[in-house]
Protein backbone atom coordinates (compact mmCIF):
# COMPACT_ATOMS: atom_id res chain seq x y z
CA MET A 1 178.27 122.83 76.86
CA ARG A 2 176.46 121.20 78.96
CA GLU A 3 176.48 124.00 81.32
CA LEU A 4 174.78 126.83 78.30
CA LYS A 5 172.65 123.93 77.52
CA ALA A 6 170.88 124.09 81.13
CA PHE A 7 170.93 127.60 80.56
CA LYS A 8 168.61 127.33 77.27
CA VAL A 9 166.38 124.77 78.34
CA LEU A 10 165.03 126.33 81.15
CA SER A 11 164.52 129.69 79.08
CA ASP A 12 161.13 128.16 77.76
CA GLU A 13 157.93 128.52 79.96
CA THR A 14 157.08 124.68 78.73
CA ARG A 15 159.83 122.93 79.74
CA LEU A 16 160.00 125.07 83.05
CA ARG A 17 156.56 123.75 83.94
CA ILE A 18 157.29 119.94 83.45
CA LEU A 19 160.60 120.86 85.73
CA ASN A 20 158.07 121.82 88.25
CA LEU A 21 155.73 119.03 87.91
CA LEU A 22 158.64 116.84 87.94
CA LEU A 23 160.19 118.46 91.72
CA ASP A 24 157.50 116.57 93.42
CA ASP A 25 157.40 112.91 91.59
CA GLU A 26 158.35 110.86 88.40
CA CYS A 27 155.77 111.04 85.71
CA CYS A 28 155.74 109.55 81.94
CA VAL A 29 154.87 111.64 78.84
CA CYS A 30 150.76 110.94 79.00
CA GLU A 31 150.80 112.46 82.54
CA ILE A 32 153.17 115.62 81.69
CA MET A 33 150.38 115.89 78.32
CA GLN A 34 147.46 115.51 80.37
CA ALA A 35 148.45 117.84 83.07
CA LEU A 36 149.92 120.70 80.91
CA GLY A 37 146.89 119.84 77.40
CA MET A 38 149.99 119.31 75.04
CA SER A 39 150.33 117.33 72.67
CA GLN A 40 152.19 114.17 73.27
CA SER A 41 155.11 115.67 70.58
CA LYS A 42 155.12 118.54 72.74
CA ALA A 43 155.73 116.92 76.16
CA SER A 44 158.47 114.63 74.92
CA ARG A 45 160.28 117.38 72.94
CA GLY A 46 160.23 119.12 76.36
CA LEU A 47 161.09 116.22 78.72
CA ILE A 48 163.96 115.42 76.57
CA ALA A 49 165.57 118.56 76.38
CA LEU A 50 165.45 118.76 80.37
CA TYR A 51 166.57 115.15 80.05
CA GLU A 52 169.98 115.83 77.81
CA ALA A 53 170.12 118.78 79.95
CA GLY A 54 171.40 116.60 82.74
CA PHE A 55 168.40 117.51 84.84
CA LEU A 56 166.33 114.30 84.65
CA LYS A 57 167.02 111.02 84.92
CA MET A 58 164.32 108.24 83.42
CA ARG A 59 164.08 104.78 83.76
CA ARG A 60 161.68 102.20 82.21
CA ASP A 61 158.37 100.63 84.20
CA GLY A 62 157.13 97.64 81.99
CA LEU A 63 155.46 99.59 78.85
CA TRP A 64 156.32 103.21 80.76
CA SER A 65 159.28 105.67 80.79
CA LEU A 66 159.44 107.34 84.03
CA TYR A 67 161.19 110.78 83.80
CA SER A 68 161.93 111.78 87.10
CA LEU A 69 164.31 114.98 88.74
CA ASP A 70 167.95 113.53 88.66
CA GLU A 71 169.31 114.48 92.34
CA GLN A 72 172.75 112.92 91.53
CA ALA A 73 173.55 115.30 88.48
CA VAL A 74 171.50 118.67 90.13
CA LYS A 75 174.73 119.77 92.08
CA GLY A 76 176.52 123.26 91.82
CA TYR A 77 175.08 125.80 89.69
CA LYS A 78 172.18 123.62 88.58
CA ALA A 79 170.76 123.42 92.18
CA GLY A 80 170.93 126.66 92.27
CA LEU A 81 168.45 126.52 89.30
CA ILE A 82 166.61 124.48 90.45
CA GLU A 83 166.66 126.33 94.05
CA ALA A 84 165.31 129.42 91.20
CA VAL A 85 162.49 127.32 89.50
CA LYS A 86 160.85 126.51 93.43
CA GLU A 87 160.95 130.05 94.09
CA PHE A 88 159.58 131.08 90.54
CA PHE A 89 156.69 129.09 91.04
CA LYS A 90 156.21 128.73 94.81
CA ASN A 91 153.50 131.40 94.27
CA SER A 92 152.00 130.96 90.83
CA GLU A 93 148.85 129.80 89.88
CA ILE A 94 149.57 128.10 86.94
CA ALA A 95 151.96 125.78 88.96
CA VAL A 96 148.71 124.82 91.49
CA SER A 97 146.79 124.27 88.57
CA ASP A 98 149.45 122.00 86.92
CA LYS A 99 150.09 120.06 90.01
CA LYS A 100 146.23 119.92 90.64
CA ARG A 101 145.90 118.71 87.58
CA MET A 102 148.88 116.20 87.81
CA LYS A 103 147.35 114.24 90.41
CA ALA A 104 144.15 113.58 88.32
CA GLU A 105 146.38 111.92 85.66
CA ALA A 106 146.76 108.28 84.96
CA ARG A 107 149.24 106.56 82.66
CA ILE A 108 146.99 105.54 79.84
CA GLY A 109 148.75 102.54 77.97
CA PRO A 110 151.19 101.86 75.37
CA GLY A 111 150.42 105.02 73.19
CA CYS A 112 152.27 107.17 75.96
CA ILE A 113 155.78 105.63 75.19
CA ASN A 114 158.69 107.95 74.83
CA LYS A 115 161.64 106.09 73.19
């Protein structure tokens, strides 16, 4: 059940933080791992879980796999969940720090590809 998967994926703080970063812009796995200070495997697992739950879309750009919010798929209850994530992080110091670090990050090369 994809609906249940959507709720389950949002039960994890790391995935919520990843989703919050992707509400503003598309990112590759290396940008997420740098901004949140996590391993490549943990960042990849979070992105894949959000993708499989239907929140994200992925596109290739040369060597990079770039993830962003799938605005076409985020309708109905998912749109409500996205609004809840925005509201949750609206005044969060962690979200402000995450987004500040994200602005300073860069794509680091072929090693960051998420296949």
